[in-house]
């Protein structure tokens, strides 16, 4: 369904432009942290409430904020915006987590792969089959910690881009995990809501004890959680 530009919500457009004016000199926006109500509210579906120029600026600022954090995805609520949109981008690392054991990305159990930059608007997903995978996961709005989260291994993803073009794609492994994480944000969910709490680790302890092997089996045995 085409967005009706004749009914742009000028008040919301003004609010978003004010939000963008809070970006620093590099175009980076503040990322809200756990406890902010916006992270727990279901977002408003995007129906063309913003001018195209505002949406384009928002996309650019969100990308800059995501990459500088650094992160692989950023949803509207994470910058205080309750609209159903997010940005996603990741690039395969030659040596995931500096682990020689998994230096060949094809052998990394997370299935890390190159994910070109794109904006998702009004996204949704559904599982393809019943396979799941559990790996450590983090969030820019819960900075300093990661925990093991079980997610669907394969999904069918639906979304619109910033030009109102509808997309549908089968996503797998790492890409599917990122899409699920960002889409869940738009429904007021944060990854820790369904994470294995006993797996929770600070960044320092993750590097010290668990980052050498992306497979969380040993962490599960020692820390006492299920995967």
C-alpha atoms as a PDB file:
ATOM      1  CA  UNK A   1       0.000   0.000   0.000  1.00  0.00           C
ATOM      2  CA  UNK A   2       1.468   3.346  -1.047  1.00  0.00           C
ATOM      3  CA  UNK A   3       2.249   5.922   1.609  1.00  0.00           C
ATOM      4  CA  UNK A   4      -0.062   8.911   1.379  1.00  0.00           C
ATOM      5  CA  UNK A   5       2.263  11.900   1.239  1.00  0.00           C
ATOM      6  CA  UNK A   6      -0.765  14.199   1.236  1.00  0.00           C
ATOM      7  CA  UNK A   7      -1.252  13.354   4.894  1.00  0.00           C
ATOM      8  CA  UNK A   8       2.240  13.867   6.301  1.00  0.00           C
ATOM      9  CA  UNK A   9       2.148  14.315  10.062  1.00  0.00           C
ATOM     10  CA  UNK A  10       3.982  17.637  10.173  1.00  0.00           C
ATOM     11  CA  UNK A  11       4.183  17.592  13.980  1.00  0.00           C
ATOM     12  CA  UNK A  12       5.946  14.223  13.964  1.00  0.00           C
ATOM     13  CA  UNK A  13       8.158  15.360  11.095  1.00  0.00           C
ATOM     14  CA  UNK A  14       9.134  18.393  13.151  1.00  0.00           C
ATOM     15  CA  UNK A  15       9.859  16.212  16.190  1.00  0.00           C
ATOM     16  CA  UNK A  16      12.097  13.923  14.148  1.00  0.00           C
ATOM     17  CA  UNK A  17      13.985  16.873  12.682  1.00  0.00           C
ATOM     18  CA  UNK A  18      14.525  18.159  16.227  1.00  0.00           C
ATOM     19  CA  UNK A  19      15.762  14.719  17.251  1.00  0.00           C
ATOM     20  CA  UNK A  20      18.222  14.727  14.351  1.00  0.00           C
ATOM     21  CA  UNK A  21      19.481  18.155  15.387  1.00  0.00           C
ATOM     22  CA  UNK A  22      20.721  16.505  18.611  1.00  0.00           C
ATOM     23  CA  UNK A  23      23.304  14.535  16.621  1.00  0.00           C
ATOM     24  CA  UNK A  24      26.905  15.396  17.379  1.00  0.00           C
ATOM     25  CA  UNK A  25      29.323  16.813  14.830  1.00  0.00           C
ATOM     26  CA  UNK A  26      29.813  13.346  13.349  1.00  0.00           C
ATOM     27  CA  UNK A  27      26.098  12.784  12.873  1.00  0.00           C
ATOM     28  CA  UNK A  28      25.864  10.350  15.798  1.00  0.00           C
ATOM     29  CA  UNK A  29      22.742  10.262  17.965  1.00  0.00           C
ATOM     30  CA  UNK A  30      22.519   9.278  21.663  1.00  0.00           C
ATOM     31  CA  UNK A  31      21.432   5.655  22.174  1.00  0.00           C
ATOM     32  CA  UNK A  32      18.835   5.222  24.929  1.00  0.00           C
ATOM     33  CA  UNK A  33      19.471   2.585  27.597  1.00  0.00           C
ATOM     34  CA  UNK A  34      17.308   0.092  29.477  1.00  0.00           C
ATOM     35  CA  UNK A  35      14.716   1.782  31.647  1.00  0.00           C
ATOM     36  CA  UNK A  36      13.638   4.268  28.976  1.00  0.00           C
ATOM     37  CA  UNK A  37       9.889   3.692  28.393  1.00  0.00           C
ATOM     38  CA  UNK A  38      10.265   3.956  24.602  1.00  0.00           C
ATOM     39  CA  UNK A  39      12.120   0.620  24.594  1.00  0.00           C
ATOM     40  CA  UNK A  40       9.048  -1.094  26.019  1.00  0.00           C
ATOM     41  CA  UNK A  41       6.358   0.397  23.804  1.00  0.00           C
ATOM     42  CA  UNK A  42       5.080  -1.093  20.561  1.00  0.00           C
ATOM     43  CA  UNK A  43       6.053   1.284  17.779  1.00  0.00           C
ATOM     44  CA  UNK A  44       3.659   3.097  15.454  1.00  0.00           C
ATOM     45  CA  UNK A  45       3.463   1.656  11.954  1.00  0.00           C
ATOM     46  CA  UNK A  46       5.109   3.924   9.388  1.00  0.00           C
ATOM     47  CA  UNK A  47       2.574   5.178   6.827  1.00  0.00           C
ATOM     48  CA  UNK A  48       4.415   8.169   5.377  1.00  0.00           C
ATOM     49  CA  UNK A  49       4.362  10.466   8.398  1.00  0.00           C
ATOM     50  CA  UNK A  50       7.730  11.980   7.462  1.00  0.00           C
ATOM     51  CA  UNK A  51       8.884  14.046   4.535  1.00  0.00           C
ATOM     52  CA  UNK A  52      11.168  12.057   2.259  1.00  0.00           C
ATOM     53  CA  UNK A  53      14.032  14.401   3.061  1.00  0.00           C
ATOM     54  CA  UNK A  54      13.520  13.809   6.797  1.00  0.00           C
ATOM     55  CA  UNK A  55      13.397  10.035   6.314  1.00  0.00           C
ATOM     56  CA  UNK A  56      16.594  10.155   4.254  1.00  0.00           C
ATOM     57  CA  UNK A  57      18.372  12.168   6.966  1.00  0.00           C
ATOM     58  CA  UNK A  58      17.088   9.776   9.610  1.00  0.00           C
ATOM     59  CA  UNK A  59      18.415   6.786   7.671  1.00  0.00           C
ATOM     60  CA  UNK A  60      21.849   8.399   7.343  1.00  0.00           C
ATOM     61  CA  UNK A  61      22.043   9.361  11.034  1.00  0.00           C
ATOM     62  CA  UNK A  62      20.886   5.942  12.199  1.00  0.00           C
ATOM     63  CA  UNK A  63      23.536   4.262  10.087  1.00  0.00           C
ATOM     64  CA  UNK A  64      26.259   6.536  11.434  1.00  0.00           C
ATOM     65  CA  UNK A  65      25.093   5.949  15.009  1.00  0.00           C
ATOM     66  CA  UNK A  66      24.984   2.170  14.509  1.00  0.00           C
ATOM     67  CA  UNK A  67      28.465   1.962  12.978  1.00  0.00           C
ATOM     68  CA  UNK A  68      30.075   4.271  15.540  1.00  0.00           C
ATOM     69  CA  UNK A  69      28.619   2.333  18.498  1.00  0.00           C
ATOM     70  CA  UNK A  70      29.673  -0.148  16.970  1.00  0.00           C
ATOM     71  CA  UNK A  71      26.728  -2.389  16.184  1.00  0.00           C
ATOM     72  CA  UNK A  72      25.107  -4.389  13.402  1.00  0.00           C
ATOM     73  CA  UNK A  73      21.588  -3.031  13.790  1.00  0.00           C
ATOM     74  CA  UNK A  74      19.718  -0.090  15.301  1.00  0.00           C
ATOM     75  CA  UNK A  75      15.974   0.287  15.778  1.00  0.00           C
ATOM     76  CA  UNK A  76      13.945   3.489  16.073  1.00  0.00           C
ATOM     77  CA  UNK A  77      13.217   3.105  19.812  1.00  0.00           C
ATOM     78  CA  UNK A  78      16.961   2.949  20.506  1.00  0.00           C
ATOM     79  CA  UNK A  79      17.243   6.610  19.525  1.00  0.00           C
ATOM     80  CA  UNK A  80      13.977   7.492  21.267  1.00  0.00           C
ATOM     81  CA  UNK A  81      11.781   7.228  18.166  1.00  0.00           C
ATOM     82  CA  UNK A  82       8.626   5.132  18.394  1.00  0.00           C
ATOM     83  CA  UNK A  83       8.298   4.470  14.663  1.00  0.00           C
ATOM     84  CA  UNK A  84       8.502   1.013  13.107  1.00  0.00           C
ATOM     85  CA  UNK A  85      11.841   1.245  11.361  1.00  0.00           C
ATOM     86  CA  UNK A  86      15.430   0.075  11.795  1.00  0.00           C
ATOM     87  CA  UNK A  87      18.746  -0.137   9.986  1.00  0.00           C
ATOM     88  CA  UNK A  88      20.929  -3.219   9.555  1.00  0.00           C
ATOM     89  CA  UNK A  89      24.486  -3.748   8.341  1.00  0.00           C
ATOM     90  CA  UNK A  90      27.348  -6.124   9.037  1.00  0.00           C
ATOM     91  CA  UNK A  91      30.442  -7.240   7.217  1.00  0.00           C
ATOM     92  CA  UNK A  92      32.089 -10.614   7.584  1.00  0.00           C
ATOM     93  CA  UNK A  93      35.203 -10.614   9.698  1.00  0.00           C
ATOM     94  CA  UNK A  94      38.208 -12.561   8.440  1.00  0.00           C
ATOM     95  CA  UNK A  95      38.709 -13.814  11.995  1.00  0.00           C
ATOM     96  CA  UNK A  96      35.506 -13.796  14.007  1.00  0.00           C
ATOM     97  CA  UNK A  97      36.272 -12.713  17.576  1.00  0.00           C
ATOM     98  CA  UNK A  98      39.996 -13.112  16.805  1.00  0.00           C
ATOM     99  CA  UNK A  99      39.566 -16.886  17.038  1.00  0.00           C
ATOM    100  CA  UNK A 100      41.936 -18.872  14.830  1.00  0.00           C
ATOM    101  CA  UNK A 101      39.674 -21.882  15.268  1.00  0.00           C
ATOM    102  CA  UNK A 102      36.924 -20.075  13.398  1.00  0.00           C
ATOM    103  CA  UNK A 103      39.013 -17.871  11.102  1.00  0.00           C
ATOM    104  CA  UNK A 104      37.217 -19.448   8.135  1.00  0.00           C
ATOM    105  CA  UNK A 105      33.853 -17.683   8.331  1.00  0.00           C
ATOM    106  CA  UNK A 106      32.163 -20.628   6.598  1.00  0.00           C
ATOM    107  CA  UNK A 107      33.045 -22.742   9.673  1.00  0.00           C
ATOM    108  CA  UNK A 108      31.869 -20.226  12.250  1.00  0.00           C
ATOM    109  CA  UNK A 109      28.849 -21.902  13.912  1.00  0.00           C
ATOM    110  CA  UNK A 110      26.962 -18.602  13.903  1.00  0.00           C
ATOM    111  CA  UNK A 111      26.997 -18.504  10.108  1.00  0.00           C
ATOM    112  CA  UNK A 112      28.384 -14.958  10.052  1.00  0.00           C
ATOM    113  CA  UNK A 113      28.192 -13.501   6.559  1.00  0.00           C
ATOM    114  CA  UNK A 114      28.249 -10.140   4.811  1.00  0.00           C
ATOM    115  CA  UNK A 115      25.038  -8.128   5.301  1.00  0.00           C
ATOM    116  CA  UNK A 116      24.873  -4.989   3.119  1.00  0.00           C
ATOM    117  CA  UNK A 117      23.349  -1.849   4.637  1.00  0.00           C
ATOM    118  CA  UNK A 118      19.594  -1.441   4.368  1.00  0.00           C
ATOM    119  CA  UNK A 119      16.661   0.167   6.167  1.00  0.00           C
ATOM    120  CA  UNK A 120      13.673  -1.933   7.202  1.00  0.00           C
ATOM    121  CA  UNK A 121      10.271  -0.303   7.662  1.00  0.00           C
ATOM    122  CA  UNK A 122       7.296  -2.109   9.221  1.00  0.00           C
ATOM    123  CA  UNK A 123       9.238  -5.392   9.347  1.00  0.00           C
ATOM    124  CA  UNK A 124       7.884  -8.764  10.394  1.00  0.00           C
ATOM    125  CA  UNK A 125       9.111 -12.336  10.254  1.00  0.00           C
ATOM    126  CA  UNK A 126       7.978 -15.913  10.634  1.00  0.00           C
ATOM    127  CA  UNK A 127      10.069 -19.039  11.204  1.00  0.00           C
ATOM    128  CA  UNK A 128      10.908 -21.366   8.364  1.00  0.00           C
ATOM    129  CA  UNK A 129      10.870 -24.754  10.030  1.00  0.00           C
ATOM    130  CA  UNK A 130      11.577 -25.450  13.677  1.00  0.00           C
ATOM    131  CA  UNK A 131      15.395 -25.199  13.858  1.00  0.00           C
ATOM    132  CA  UNK A 132      16.833 -22.855  16.463  1.00  0.00           C
ATOM    133  CA  UNK A 133      20.329 -21.787  17.497  1.00  0.00           C
ATOM    134  CA  UNK A 134      21.676 -20.337  20.759  1.00  0.00           C
ATOM    135  CA  UNK A 135      24.573 -17.881  20.816  1.00  0.00           C
ATOM    136  CA  UNK A 136      25.792 -14.931  22.847  1.00  0.00           C
ATOM    137  CA  UNK A 137      24.034 -11.747  21.807  1.00  0.00           C
ATOM    138  CA  UNK A 138      24.287  -8.120  22.865  1.00  0.00           C
ATOM    139  CA  UNK A 139      22.327  -4.893  22.545  1.00  0.00           C
ATOM    140  CA  UNK A 140      23.402  -1.272  22.192  1.00  0.00           C
ATOM    141  CA  UNK A 141      20.633  -0.326  24.642  1.00  0.00           C
ATOM    142  CA  UNK A 142      21.953  -2.721  27.311  1.00  0.00           C
ATOM    143  CA  UNK A 143      25.572  -1.764  26.983  1.00  0.00           C
ATOM    144  CA  UNK A 144      28.330  -3.706  28.697  1.00  0.00           C
ATOM    145  CA  UNK A 145      26.753  -7.170  28.763  1.00  0.00           C
ATOM    146  CA  UNK A 146      25.858 -10.123  26.574  1.00  0.00           C
ATOM    147  CA  UNK A 147      23.796 -13.243  27.161  1.00  0.00           C
ATOM    148  CA  UNK A 148      22.900 -16.386  25.258  1.00  0.00           C
ATOM    149  CA  UNK A 149      19.662 -16.089  23.312  1.00  0.00           C
ATOM    150  CA  UNK A 150      17.892 -18.820  21.353  1.00  0.00           C
ATOM    151  CA  UNK A 151      16.515 -17.705  18.004  1.00  0.00           C
ATOM    152  CA  UNK A 152      15.028 -19.166  14.856  1.00  0.00           C
ATOM    153  CA  UNK A 153      17.754 -20.328  12.504  1.00  0.00           C
ATOM    154  CA  UNK A 154      15.766 -19.619   9.336  1.00  0.00           C
ATOM    155  CA  UNK A 155      13.032 -17.024   8.826  1.00  0.00           C
ATOM    156  CA  UNK A 156      10.900 -15.479   6.126  1.00  0.00           C
ATOM    157  CA  UNK A 157      11.337 -11.719   6.491  1.00  0.00           C
ATOM    158  CA  UNK A 158       8.963  -9.012   5.258  1.00  0.00           C
ATOM    159  CA  UNK A 159       9.630  -5.266   5.155  1.00  0.00           C
ATOM    160  CA  UNK A 160       9.390  -2.040   3.156  1.00  0.00           C
ATOM    161  CA  UNK A 161      12.356   0.146   2.280  1.00  0.00           C
ATOM    162  CA  UNK A 162      12.535   3.944   2.465  1.00  0.00           C
ATOM    163  CA  UNK A 163      11.167   4.190  -1.093  1.00  0.00           C
ATOM    164  CA  UNK A 164       8.007   2.262  -0.161  1.00  0.00           C
ATOM    165  CA  UNK A 165       9.152  -0.847  -2.036  1.00  0.00           C
ATOM    166  CA  UNK A 166       7.978  -4.082  -0.447  1.00  0.00           C
ATOM    167  CA  UNK A 167      10.516  -6.856   0.163  1.00  0.00           C
ATOM    168  CA  UNK A 168      10.331 -10.508   1.164  1.00  0.00           C
ATOM    169  CA  UNK A 169      13.345 -12.757   1.651  1.00  0.00           C
ATOM    170  CA  UNK A 170      14.385 -16.009   3.301  1.00  0.00           C
ATOM    171  CA  UNK A 171      17.112 -15.174   5.823  1.00  0.00           C
ATOM    172  CA  UNK A 172      19.393 -17.625   7.574  1.00  0.00           C
ATOM    173  CA  UNK A 173      21.830 -17.874  10.480  1.00  0.00           C
ATOM    174  CA  UNK A 174      23.503 -14.583  11.475  1.00  0.00           C
ATOM    175  CA  UNK A 175      21.467 -12.392   9.118  1.00  0.00           C
ATOM    176  CA  UNK A 176      18.248 -13.932  10.434  1.00  0.00           C
ATOM    177  CA  UNK A 177      19.386 -13.290  14.034  1.00  0.00           C
ATOM    178  CA  UNK A 178      20.030  -9.595  13.360  1.00  0.00           C
ATOM    179  CA  UNK A 179      16.657  -9.169  11.645  1.00  0.00           C
ATOM    180  CA  UNK A 180      14.833 -10.851  14.532  1.00  0.00           C
ATOM    181  CA  UNK A 181      16.663  -8.726  17.116  1.00  0.00           C
ATOM    182  CA  UNK A 182      15.793  -5.420  15.435  1.00  0.00           C
ATOM    183  CA  UNK A 183      12.199  -6.390  14.611  1.00  0.00           C
ATOM    184  CA  UNK A 184      11.629  -7.447  18.222  1.00  0.00           C
ATOM    185  CA  UNK A 185      12.733  -3.961  19.347  1.00  0.00           C
ATOM    186  CA  UNK A 186       9.833  -2.526  17.370  1.00  0.00           C
ATOM    187  CA  UNK A 187       7.419  -4.630  19.416  1.00  0.00           C
ATOM    188  CA  UNK A 188       8.810  -3.445  22.748  1.00  0.00           C
ATOM    189  CA  UNK A 189      11.001  -6.505  23.304  1.00  0.00           C
ATOM    190  CA  UNK A 190      14.685  -6.553  24.248  1.00  0.00           C
ATOM    191  CA  UNK A 191      16.796  -9.665  23.720  1.00  0.00           C
ATOM    192  CA  UNK A 192      17.325 -10.272  27.442  1.00  0.00           C
ATOM    193  CA  UNK A 193      13.571 -10.859  27.884  1.00  0.00           C
ATOM    194  CA  UNK A 194      14.095 -14.394  26.563  1.00  0.00           C
ATOM    195  CA  UNK A 195      17.804 -14.857  27.148  1.00  0.00           C
ATOM    196  CA  UNK A 196      19.426 -17.430  29.422  1.00  0.00           C
ATOM    197  CA  UNK A 197      20.007 -15.161  32.406  1.00  0.00           C
ATOM    198  CA  UNK A 198      22.658 -17.422  33.960  1.00  0.00           C
ATOM    199  CA  UNK A 199      24.749 -16.865  30.819  1.00  0.00           C
ATOM    200  CA  UNK A 200      24.907 -13.094  31.366  1.00  0.00           C
ATOM    201  CA  UNK A 201      28.469 -11.842  31.043  1.00  0.00           C
ATOM    202  CA  UNK A 202      30.231  -8.509  31.056  1.00  0.00           C
ATOM    203  CA  UNK A 203      32.222  -7.694  27.939  1.00  0.00           C
ATOM    204  CA  UNK A 204      35.475  -8.219  29.841  1.00  0.00           C
ATOM    205  CA  UNK A 205      34.455 -11.640  31.148  1.00  0.00           C
ATOM    206  CA  UNK A 206      33.089 -12.642  27.764  1.00  0.00           C
ATOM    207  CA  UNK A 207      36.482 -11.896  26.237  1.00  0.00           C
ATOM    208  CA  UNK A 208      38.286 -13.626  29.086  1.00  0.00           C
ATOM    209  CA  UNK A 209      36.273 -16.847  29.261  1.00  0.00           C
ATOM    210  CA  UNK A 210      33.928 -17.427  26.352  1.00  0.00           C
ATOM    211  CA  UNK A 211      34.743 -15.432  23.211  1.00  0.00           C
ATOM    212  CA  UNK A 212      37.388 -17.914  22.053  1.00  0.00           C
ATOM    213  CA  UNK A 213      34.597 -20.278  20.987  1.00  0.00           C
ATOM    214  CA  UNK A 214      31.303 -18.916  19.595  1.00  0.00           C
ATOM    215  CA  UNK A 215      29.613 -22.218  20.532  1.00  0.00           C
ATOM    216  CA  UNK A 216      28.214 -21.573  24.055  1.00  0.00           C
ATOM    217  CA  UNK A 217      28.173 -25.262  25.063  1.00  0.00           C
ATOM    218  CA  UNK A 218      31.073 -24.970  27.511  1.00  0.00           C
ATOM    219  CA  UNK A 219      29.639 -21.793  29.024  1.00  0.00           C
ATOM    220  CA  UNK A 220      26.311 -23.594  29.456  1.00  0.00           C
ATOM    221  CA  UNK A 221      27.968 -26.489  31.287  1.00  0.00           C
ATOM    222  CA  UNK A 222      30.037 -24.309  33.612  1.00  0.00           C
ATOM    223  CA  UNK A 223      27.528 -21.527  34.272  1.00  0.00           C
ATOM    224  CA  UNK A 224      24.529 -23.849  34.447  1.00  0.00           C
ATOM    225  CA  UNK A 225      22.081 -22.874  31.740  1.00  0.00           C
ATOM    226  CA  UNK A 226      20.303 -24.643  28.874  1.00  0.00           C
ATOM    227  CA  UNK A 227      20.899 -24.159  25.177  1.00  0.00           C
END
